[in-house]
Amino acid sequence: TGDNYNKKCLVSFCDRYEMVLLMTNNNPNLEISSI
């Protein structure tokens, strides 16, 4: 979700994107979208 998601202590989109990217990096069947 984007940074406007109403959740306390939400880390920035860029940081969450990078964390998911690290999680999916070793598997070609897992991807991430920046939409």
PDB file of all heavy atoms in Angstrom:
ATOM      1  N   THR A   1       0.843  -1.196   0.000  1.00  0.00           N
ATOM      2  CA  THR A   1       0.000   0.000   0.000  1.00  0.00           C
ATOM      3  C   THR A   1       0.878   1.246   0.000  1.00  0.00           C
ATOM      4  O   THR A   1       2.046   1.209   0.386  1.00  0.00           O
ATOM      5  CB  THR A   1      -0.898   0.053   1.249  1.00  0.00           C
ATOM      6  OG1 THR A   1      -0.070   0.059   2.407  1.00  0.00           O
ATOM      7  CG2 THR A   1      -1.856  -1.108   1.287  1.00  0.00           C
ATOM      8  N   GLY A   2       0.293   2.346  -0.428  1.00  0.00           N
ATOM      9  CA  GLY A   2       1.014   3.618  -0.436  1.00  0.00           C
ATOM     10  C   GLY A   2       1.167   4.194   0.958  1.00  0.00           C
ATOM     11  O   GLY A   2       0.678   3.644   1.947  1.00  0.00           O
ATOM     12  N   ASP A   3       1.829   5.328   1.035  1.00  0.00           N
ATOM     13  CA  ASP A   3       2.088   5.970   2.319  1.00  0.00           C
ATOM     14  C   ASP A   3       0.846   6.581   2.953  1.00  0.00           C
ATOM     15  O   ASP A   3       0.864   6.937   4.123  1.00  0.00           O
ATOM     16  CB  ASP A   3       3.152   7.060   2.148  1.00  0.00           C
ATOM     17  CG  ASP A   3       4.525   6.477   1.878  1.00  0.00           C
ATOM     18  OD1 ASP A   3       4.790   5.338   2.309  1.00  0.00           O
ATOM     19  OD2 ASP A   3       5.339   7.156   1.235  1.00  0.00           O
ATOM     20  N   ASN A   4      -0.247   6.734   2.206  1.00  0.00           N
ATOM     21  CA  ASN A   4      -1.468   7.324   2.750  1.00  0.00           C
ATOM     22  C   ASN A   4      -2.342   6.313   3.486  1.00  0.00           C
ATOM     23  O   ASN A   4      -3.411   6.664   3.955  1.00  0.00           O
ATOM     24  CB  ASN A   4      -2.285   7.984   1.635  1.00  0.00           C
ATOM     25  CG  ASN A   4      -1.587   9.194   1.067  1.00  0.00           C
ATOM     26  OD1 ASN A   4      -0.799   9.839   1.746  1.00  0.00           O
ATOM     27  ND2 ASN A   4      -1.844   9.498  -0.182  1.00  0.00           N
ATOM     28  N   TYR A   5      -1.904   5.066   3.570  1.00  0.00           N
ATOM     29  CA  TYR A   5      -2.644   4.025   4.276  1.00  0.00           C
ATOM     30  C   TYR A   5      -2.748   4.419   5.753  1.00  0.00           C
ATOM     31  O   TYR A   5      -1.764   4.806   6.370  1.00  0.00           O
ATOM     32  CB  TYR A   5      -1.921   2.693   4.108  1.00  0.00           C
ATOM     33  CG  TYR A   5      -2.649   1.495   4.645  1.00  0.00           C
ATOM     34  CD1 TYR A   5      -3.830   1.065   4.065  1.00  0.00           C
ATOM     35  CD2 TYR A   5      -2.144   0.772   5.709  1.00  0.00           C
ATOM     36  CE1 TYR A   5      -4.498  -0.049   4.543  1.00  0.00           C
ATOM     37  CE2 TYR A   5      -2.799  -0.340   6.189  1.00  0.00           C
ATOM     38  CZ  TYR A   5      -3.968  -0.747   5.609  1.00  0.00           C
ATOM     39  OH  TYR A   5      -4.626  -1.851   6.074  1.00  0.00           O
ATOM     40  N   ASN A   6      -3.938   4.346   6.323  1.00  0.00           N
ATOM     41  CA  ASN A   6      -4.183   4.788   7.691  1.00  0.00           C
ATOM     42  C   ASN A   6      -3.773   3.709   8.687  1.00  0.00           C
ATOM     43  O   ASN A   6      -4.595   2.935   9.169  1.00  0.00           O
ATOM     44  CB  ASN A   6      -5.656   5.157   7.870  1.00  0.00           C
ATOM     45  CG  ASN A   6      -5.928   5.832   9.189  1.00  0.00           C
ATOM     46  OD1 ASN A   6      -5.010   6.302   9.843  1.00  0.00           O
ATOM     47  ND2 ASN A   6      -7.180   5.880   9.574  1.00  0.00           N
ATOM     48  N   LYS A   7      -2.478   3.654   8.972  1.00  0.00           N
ATOM     49  CA  LYS A   7      -1.950   2.687   9.918  1.00  0.00           C
ATOM     50  C   LYS A   7      -0.856   3.376  10.726  1.00  0.00           C
ATOM     51  O   LYS A   7      -0.005   4.058  10.164  1.00  0.00           O
ATOM     52  CB  LYS A   7      -1.373   1.478   9.178  1.00  0.00           C
ATOM     53  CG  LYS A   7      -0.941   0.351  10.078  1.00  0.00           C
ATOM     54  CD  LYS A   7      -0.542  -0.875   9.267  1.00  0.00           C
ATOM     55  CE  LYS A   7      -0.262  -2.043  10.171  1.00  0.00           C
ATOM     56  NZ  LYS A   7       0.050  -3.249   9.418  1.00  0.00           N
ATOM     57  N   LYS A   8      -0.895   3.208  12.034  1.00  0.00           N
ATOM     58  CA  LYS A   8       0.109   3.831  12.889  1.00  0.00           C
ATOM     59  C   LYS A   8       1.485   3.234  12.612  1.00  0.00           C
ATOM     60  O   LYS A   8       1.607   2.042  12.345  1.00  0.00           O
ATOM     61  CB  LYS A   8      -0.241   3.638  14.360  1.00  0.00           C
ATOM     62  CG  LYS A   8      -1.432   4.441  14.817  1.00  0.00           C
ATOM     63  CD  LYS A   8      -1.657   4.279  16.299  1.00  0.00           C
ATOM     64  CE  LYS A   8      -2.855   5.114  16.714  1.00  0.00           C
ATOM     65  NZ  LYS A   8      -3.055   5.088  18.151  1.00  0.00           N
ATOM     66  N   CYS A   9       2.491   4.077  12.689  1.00  0.00           N
ATOM     67  CA  CYS A   9       3.891   3.652  12.563  1.00  0.00           C
ATOM     68  C   CYS A   9       4.192   2.995  11.213  1.00  0.00           C
ATOM     69  O   CYS A   9       5.010   2.084  11.131  1.00  0.00           O
ATOM     70  CB  CYS A   9       4.286   2.730  13.698  1.00  0.00           C
ATOM     71  SG  CYS A   9       4.065   3.440  15.323  1.00  0.00           S
ATOM     72  N   LEU A  10       3.535   3.444  10.169  1.00  0.00           N
ATOM     73  CA  LEU A  10       3.768   2.879   8.839  1.00  0.00           C
ATOM     74  C   LEU A  10       5.127   3.350   8.322  1.00  0.00           C
ATOM     75  O   LEU A  10       5.394   4.543   8.230  1.00  0.00           O
ATOM     76  CB  LEU A  10       2.661   3.311   7.872  1.00  0.00           C
ATOM     77  CG  LEU A  10       2.691   2.713   6.479  1.00  0.00           C
ATOM     78  CD1 LEU A  10       2.419   1.210   6.541  1.00  0.00           C
ATOM     79  CD2 LEU A  10       1.651   3.382   5.588  1.00  0.00           C
ATOM     80  N   VAL A  11       5.980   2.411   7.991  1.00  0.00           N
ATOM     81  CA  VAL A  11       7.285   2.709   7.414  1.00  0.00           C
ATOM     82  C   VAL A  11       7.060   3.234   5.999  1.00  0.00           C
ATOM     83  O   VAL A  11       6.059   2.903   5.362  1.00  0.00           O
ATOM     84  CB  VAL A  11       8.153   1.426   7.412  1.00  0.00           C
ATOM     85  CG1 VAL A  11       9.487   1.657   6.756  1.00  0.00           C
ATOM     86  CG2 VAL A  11       8.334   0.914   8.826  1.00  0.00           C
ATOM     87  N   SER A  12       7.968   4.034   5.474  1.00  0.00           N
ATOM     88  CA  SER A  12       7.792   4.619   4.147  1.00  0.00           C
ATOM     89  C   SER A  12       7.627   3.543   3.079  1.00  0.00           C
ATOM     90  O   SER A  12       8.130   2.428   3.212  1.00  0.00           O
ATOM     91  CB  SER A  12       8.976   5.509   3.783  1.00  0.00           C
ATOM     92  OG  SER A  12      10.100   4.721   3.443  1.00  0.00           O
ATOM     93  N   PHE A  13       6.911   3.905   2.012  1.00  0.00           N
ATOM     94  CA  PHE A  13       6.694   2.975   0.912  1.00  0.00           C
ATOM     95  C   PHE A  13       8.024   2.445   0.390  1.00  0.00           C
ATOM     96  O   PHE A  13       8.164   1.248   0.152  1.00  0.00           O
ATOM     97  CB  PHE A  13       5.919   3.645  -0.234  1.00  0.00           C
ATOM     98  CG  PHE A  13       5.771   2.750  -1.428  1.00  0.00           C
ATOM     99  CD1 PHE A  13       4.743   1.836  -1.499  1.00  0.00           C
ATOM    100  CD2 PHE A  13       6.687   2.803  -2.472  1.00  0.00           C
ATOM    101  CE1 PHE A  13       4.617   0.983  -2.587  1.00  0.00           C
ATOM    102  CE2 PHE A  13       6.572   1.956  -3.562  1.00  0.00           C
ATOM    103  CZ  PHE A  13       5.530   1.044  -3.621  1.00  0.00           C
ATOM    104  N   CYS A  14       8.998   3.334   0.210  1.00  0.00           N
ATOM    105  CA  CYS A  14      10.298   2.921  -0.347  1.00  0.00           C
ATOM    106  C   CYS A  14      10.958   1.851   0.511  1.00  0.00           C
ATOM    107  O   CYS A  14      11.493   0.873  -0.014  1.00  0.00           O
ATOM    108  CB  CYS A  14      11.221   4.127  -0.510  1.00  0.00           C
ATOM    109  SG  CYS A  14      10.690   5.262  -1.788  1.00  0.00           S
ATOM    110  N   ASP A  15      10.902   2.026   1.821  1.00  0.00           N
ATOM    111  CA  ASP A  15      11.514   1.037   2.722  1.00  0.00           C
ATOM    112  C   ASP A  15      10.762  -0.291   2.683  1.00  0.00           C
ATOM    113  O   ASP A  15      11.370  -1.363   2.642  1.00  0.00           O
ATOM    114  CB  ASP A  15      11.570   1.566   4.151  1.00  0.00           C
ATOM    115  CG  ASP A  15      12.583   2.679   4.320  1.00  0.00           C
ATOM    116  OD1 ASP A  15      13.474   2.820   3.457  1.00  0.00           O
ATOM    117  OD2 ASP A  15      12.480   3.412   5.319  1.00  0.00           O
ATOM    118  N   ARG A  16       9.425  -0.224   2.681  1.00  0.00           N
ATOM    119  CA  ARG A  16       8.637  -1.465   2.623  1.00  0.00           C
ATOM    120  C   ARG A  16       8.834  -2.159   1.283  1.00  0.00           C
ATOM    121  O   ARG A  16       8.934  -3.388   1.214  1.00  0.00           O
ATOM    122  CB  ARG A  16       7.154  -1.178   2.881  1.00  0.00           C
ATOM    123  CG  ARG A  16       6.897  -0.745   4.311  1.00  0.00           C
ATOM    124  CD  ARG A  16       5.439  -0.452   4.609  1.00  0.00           C
ATOM    125  NE  ARG A  16       5.022   0.799   3.994  1.00  0.00           N
ATOM    126  CZ  ARG A  16       4.083   0.906   3.057  1.00  0.00           C
ATOM    127  NH1 ARG A  16       3.440  -0.160   2.635  1.00  0.00           N
ATOM    128  NH2 ARG A  16       3.778   2.076   2.547  1.00  0.00           N
ATOM    129  N   TYR A  17       8.916  -1.383   0.209  1.00  0.00           N
ATOM    130  CA  TYR A  17       9.173  -1.949  -1.124  1.00  0.00           C
ATOM    131  C   TYR A  17      10.508  -2.695  -1.125  1.00  0.00           C
ATOM    132  O   TYR A  17      10.593  -3.821  -1.610  1.00  0.00           O
ATOM    133  CB  TYR A  17       9.181  -0.829  -2.165  1.00  0.00           C
ATOM    134  CG  TYR A  17       9.398  -1.320  -3.573  1.00  0.00           C
ATOM    135  CD1 TYR A  17       8.311  -1.631  -4.378  1.00  0.00           C
ATOM    136  CD2 TYR A  17      10.664  -1.477  -4.092  1.00  0.00           C
ATOM    137  CE1 TYR A  17       8.493  -2.091  -5.673  1.00  0.00           C
ATOM    138  CE2 TYR A  17      10.871  -1.934  -5.384  1.00  0.00           C
ATOM    139  CZ  TYR A  17       9.784  -2.237  -6.170  1.00  0.00           C
ATOM    140  OH  TYR A  17       9.972  -2.699  -7.445  1.00  0.00           O
ATOM    141  N   GLU A  18      11.531  -2.076  -0.570  1.00  0.00           N
ATOM    142  CA  GLU A  18      12.855  -2.702  -0.533  1.00  0.00           C
ATOM    143  C   GLU A  18      12.845  -3.982   0.301  1.00  0.00           C
ATOM    144  O   GLU A  18      13.502  -4.964  -0.063  1.00  0.00           O
ATOM    145  CB  GLU A  18      13.904  -1.730   0.003  1.00  0.00           C
ATOM    146  CG  GLU A  18      14.228  -0.603  -0.952  1.00  0.00           C
ATOM    147  CD  GLU A  18      14.845  -1.066  -2.262  1.00  0.00           C
ATOM    148  OE1 GLU A  18      15.671  -2.007  -2.244  1.00  0.00           O
ATOM    149  OE2 GLU A  18      14.494  -0.493  -3.309  1.00  0.00           O
ATOM    150  N   MET A  19      12.101  -3.987   1.413  1.00  0.00           N
ATOM    151  CA  MET A  19      12.030  -5.194   2.245  1.00  0.00           C
ATOM    152  C   MET A  19      11.342  -6.339   1.500  1.00  0.00           C
ATOM    153  O   MET A  19      11.795  -7.486   1.553  1.00  0.00           O
ATOM    154  CB  MET A  19      11.306  -4.901   3.561  1.00  0.00           C
ATOM    155  CG  MET A  19      12.111  -4.050   4.522  1.00  0.00           C
ATOM    156  SD  MET A  19      11.354  -3.894   6.154  1.00  0.00           S
ATOM    157  CE  MET A  19      10.022  -2.732   5.815  1.00  0.00           C
ATOM    158  N   VAL A  20      10.244  -6.030   0.785  1.00  0.00           N
ATOM    159  CA  VAL A  20       9.560  -7.071   0.015  1.00  0.00           C
ATOM    160  C   VAL A  20      10.457  -7.532  -1.133  1.00  0.00           C
ATOM    161  O   VAL A  20      10.515  -8.723  -1.445  1.00  0.00           O
ATOM    162  CB  VAL A  20       8.188  -6.591  -0.505  1.00  0.00           C
ATOM    163  CG1 VAL A  20       7.554  -7.640  -1.404  1.00  0.00           C
ATOM    164  CG2 VAL A  20       7.263  -6.266   0.648  1.00  0.00           C
ATOM    165  N   LEU A  21      11.166  -6.603  -1.738  1.00  0.00           N
ATOM    166  CA  LEU A  21      12.092  -6.955  -2.815  1.00  0.00           C
ATOM    167  C   LEU A  21      13.140  -7.947  -2.319  1.00  0.00           C
ATOM    168  O   LEU A  21      13.437  -8.941  -2.993  1.00  0.00           O
ATOM    169  CB  LEU A  21      12.757  -5.698  -3.371  1.00  0.00           C
ATOM    170  CG  LEU A  21      13.629  -5.872  -4.601  1.00  0.00           C
ATOM    171  CD1 LEU A  21      12.806  -6.403  -5.775  1.00  0.00           C
ATOM    172  CD2 LEU A  21      14.281  -4.553  -4.964  1.00  0.00           C
ATOM    173  N   LEU A  22      13.679  -7.728  -1.136  1.00  0.00           N
ATOM    174  CA  LEU A  22      14.638  -8.670  -0.552  1.00  0.00           C
ATOM    175  C   LEU A  22      14.001 -10.035  -0.318  1.00  0.00           C
ATOM    176  O   LEU A  22      14.637 -11.072  -0.535  1.00  0.00           O
ATOM    177  CB  LEU A  22      15.195  -8.126   0.761  1.00  0.00           C
ATOM    178  CG  LEU A  22      16.165  -6.960   0.654  1.00  0.00           C
ATOM    179  CD1 LEU A  22      16.460  -6.388   2.035  1.00  0.00           C
ATOM    180  CD2 LEU A  22      17.449  -7.387  -0.031  1.00  0.00           C
ATOM    181  N   MET A  23      12.752 -10.041   0.120  1.00  0.00           N
ATOM    182  CA  MET A  23      12.051 -11.298   0.384  1.00  0.00           C
ATOM    183  C   MET A  23      11.799 -12.088  -0.903  1.00  0.00           C
ATOM    184  O   MET A  23      11.831 -13.312  -0.906  1.00  0.00           O
ATOM    185  CB  MET A  23      10.717 -11.011   1.092  1.00  0.00           C
ATOM    186  CG  MET A  23       9.914 -12.238   1.431  1.00  0.00           C
ATOM    187  SD  MET A  23       8.361 -11.833   2.275  1.00  0.00           S
ATOM    188  CE  MET A  23       7.394 -11.148   0.940  1.00  0.00           C
ATOM    189  N   THR A  24      11.563 -11.388  -2.006  1.00  0.00           N
ATOM    190  CA  THR A  24      11.188 -12.060  -3.257  1.00  0.00           C
ATOM    191  C   THR A  24      12.366 -12.287  -4.202  1.00  0.00           C
ATOM    192  O   THR A  24      12.218 -12.966  -5.214  1.00  0.00           O
ATOM    193  CB  THR A  24      10.129 -11.239  -4.020  1.00  0.00           C
ATOM    194  OG1 THR A  24      10.675  -9.964  -4.360  1.00  0.00           O
ATOM    195  CG2 THR A  24       8.875 -11.061  -3.193  1.00  0.00           C
ATOM    196  N   ASN A  25      13.504 -11.735  -3.881  1.00  0.00           N
ATOM    197  CA  ASN A  25      14.647 -11.701  -4.789  1.00  0.00           C
ATOM    198  C   ASN A  25      15.108 -13.060  -5.301  1.00  0.00           C
ATOM    199  O   ASN A  25      15.590 -13.159  -6.417  1.00  0.00           O
ATOM    200  CB  ASN A  25      15.816 -10.995  -4.105  1.00  0.00           C
ATOM    201  CG  ASN A  25      16.478  -9.992  -5.003  1.00  0.00           C
ATOM    202  OD1 ASN A  25      16.031  -9.735  -6.113  1.00  0.00           O
ATOM    203  ND2 ASN A  25      17.546  -9.420  -4.511  1.00  0.00           N
ATOM    204  N   ASN A  26      14.992 -14.094  -4.529  1.00  0.00           N
ATOM    205  CA  ASN A  26      15.528 -15.400  -4.916  1.00  0.00           C
ATOM    206  C   ASN A  26      14.520 -16.309  -5.592  1.00  0.00           C
ATOM    207  O   ASN A  26      14.822 -17.466  -5.851  1.00  0.00           O
ATOM    208  CB  ASN A  26      16.112 -16.108  -3.684  1.00  0.00           C
ATOM    209  CG  ASN A  26      17.306 -15.365  -3.132  1.00  0.00           C
ATOM    210  OD1 ASN A  26      18.088 -14.778  -3.879  1.00  0.00           O
ATOM    211  ND2 ASN A  26      17.451 -15.377  -1.832  1.00  0.00           N
ATOM    212  N   ASN A  27      13.329 -15.831  -5.881  1.00  0.00           N
ATOM    213  CA  ASN A  27      12.302 -16.684  -6.467  1.00  0.00           C
ATOM    214  C   ASN A  27      11.672 -15.988  -7.674  1.00  0.00           C
ATOM    215  O   ASN A  27      11.017 -14.964  -7.525  1.00  0.00           O
ATOM    216  CB  ASN A  27      11.230 -17.005  -5.422  1.00  0.00           C
ATOM    217  CG  ASN A  27      10.287 -18.080  -5.879  1.00  0.00           C
ATOM    218  OD1 ASN A  27       9.950 -18.172  -7.053  1.00  0.00           O
ATOM    219  ND2 ASN A  27       9.835 -18.896  -4.954  1.00  0.00           N
ATOM    220  N   PRO A  28      11.845 -16.558  -8.871  1.00  0.00           N
ATOM    221  CA  PRO A  28      11.284 -15.932 -10.072  1.00  0.00           C
ATOM    222  C   PRO A  28       9.758 -15.942 -10.113  1.00  0.00           C
ATOM    223  O   PRO A  28       9.165 -15.236 -10.926  1.00  0.00           O
ATOM    224  CB  PRO A  28      11.869 -16.769 -11.209  1.00  0.00           C
ATOM    225  CG  PRO A  28      12.188 -18.082 -10.595  1.00  0.00           C
ATOM    226  CD  PRO A  28      12.553 -17.797  -9.164  1.00  0.00           C
ATOM    227  N   ASN A  29       9.113 -16.718  -9.238  1.00  0.00           N
ATOM    228  CA  ASN A  29       7.652 -16.771  -9.192  1.00  0.00           C
ATOM    229  C   ASN A  29       7.049 -15.754  -8.237  1.00  0.00           C
ATOM    230  O   ASN A  29       5.835 -15.687  -8.089  1.00  0.00           O
ATOM    231  CB  ASN A  29       7.186 -18.177  -8.826  1.00  0.00           C
ATOM    232  CG  ASN A  29       7.596 -19.182  -9.857  1.00  0.00           C
ATOM    233  OD1 ASN A  29       7.552 -18.919 -11.049  1.00  0.00           O
ATOM    234  ND2 ASN A  29       8.044 -20.344  -9.411  1.00  0.00           N
ATOM    235  N   LEU A  30       7.908 -14.989  -7.569  1.00  0.00           N
ATOM    236  CA  LEU A  30       7.457 -13.939  -6.662  1.00  0.00           C
ATOM    237  C   LEU A  30       7.967 -12.606  -7.189  1.00  0.00           C
ATOM    238  O   LEU A  30       9.156 -12.455  -7.455  1.00  0.00           O
ATOM    239  CB  LEU A  30       7.995 -14.169  -5.240  1.00  0.00           C
ATOM    240  CG  LEU A  30       7.624 -15.489  -4.565  1.00  0.00           C
ATOM    241  CD1 LEU A  30       8.259 -15.568  -3.190  1.00  0.00           C
ATOM    242  CD2 LEU A  30       6.122 -15.664  -4.484  1.00  0.00           C
ATOM    243  N   GLU A  31       7.054 -11.651  -7.329  1.00  0.00           N
ATOM    244  CA  GLU A  31       7.416 -10.325  -7.834  1.00  0.00           C
ATOM    245  C   GLU A  31       6.820  -9.262  -6.940  1.00  0.00           C
ATOM    246  O   GLU A  31       6.000  -9.543  -6.079  1.00  0.00           O
ATOM    247  CB  GLU A  31       6.894 -10.125  -9.261  1.00  0.00           C
ATOM    248  CG  GLU A  31       7.553 -10.988 -10.294  1.00  0.00           C
ATOM    249  CD  GLU A  31       7.072 -10.683 -11.697  1.00  0.00           C
ATOM    250  OE1 GLU A  31       6.383  -9.655 -11.908  1.00  0.00           O
ATOM    251  OE2 GLU A  31       7.381 -11.473 -12.591  1.00  0.00           O
ATOM    252  N   ILE A  32       7.224  -8.027  -7.192  1.00  0.00           N
ATOM    253  CA  ILE A  32       6.680  -6.890  -6.460  1.00  0.00           C
ATOM    254  C   ILE A  32       6.317  -5.799  -7.455  1.00  0.00           C
ATOM    255  O   ILE A  32       6.990  -5.624  -8.466  1.00  0.00           O
ATOM    256  CB  ILE A  32       7.672  -6.375  -5.397  1.00  0.00           C
ATOM    257  CG1 ILE A  32       7.053  -5.227  -4.599  1.00  0.00           C
ATOM    258  CG2 ILE A  32       8.989  -6.009  -6.004  1.00  0.00           C
ATOM    259  CD1 ILE A  32       7.843  -4.818  -3.382  1.00  0.00           C
ATOM    260  N   SER A  33       5.235  -5.091  -7.158  1.00  0.00           N
ATOM    261  CA  SER A  33       4.783  -3.980  -7.996  1.00  0.00           C
ATOM    262  C   SER A  33       4.885  -2.690  -7.193  1.00  0.00           C
ATOM    263  O   SER A  33       4.647  -2.672  -5.995  1.00  0.00           O
ATOM    264  CB  SER A  33       3.339  -4.198  -8.430  1.00  0.00           C
ATOM    265  OG  SER A  33       2.841  -3.027  -9.056  1.00  0.00           O
ATOM    266  N   SER A  34       5.203  -1.605  -7.874  1.00  0.00           N
ATOM    267  CA  SER A  34       5.275  -0.304  -7.221  1.00  0.00           C
ATOM    268  C   SER A  34       4.020   0.522  -7.481  1.00  0.00           C
ATOM    269  O   SER A  34       3.993   1.728  -7.226  1.00  0.00           O
ATOM    270  CB  SER A  34       6.503   0.470  -7.691  1.00  0.00           C
ATOM    271  OG  SER A  34       6.410   0.723  -9.080  1.00  0.00           O
ATOM    272  N   ILE A  35       2.952  -0.104  -7.945  1.00  0.00           N
ATOM    273  CA  ILE A  35       1.728   0.608  -8.313  1.00  0.00           C
ATOM    274  C   ILE A  35       1.124   1.363  -7.120  1.00  0.00           C
ATOM    275  O   ILE A  35       0.460   2.365  -7.292  1.00  0.00           O
ATOM    276  CB  ILE A  35       0.690  -0.337  -8.948  1.00  0.00           C
ATOM    277  CG1 ILE A  35      -0.380   0.462  -9.656  1.00  0.00           C
ATOM    278  CG2 ILE A  35       0.102  -1.274  -7.909  1.00  0.00           C
ATOM    279  CD1 ILE A  35      -1.266  -0.374 -10.540  1.00  0.00           C
TER     280      ILE A  35
END
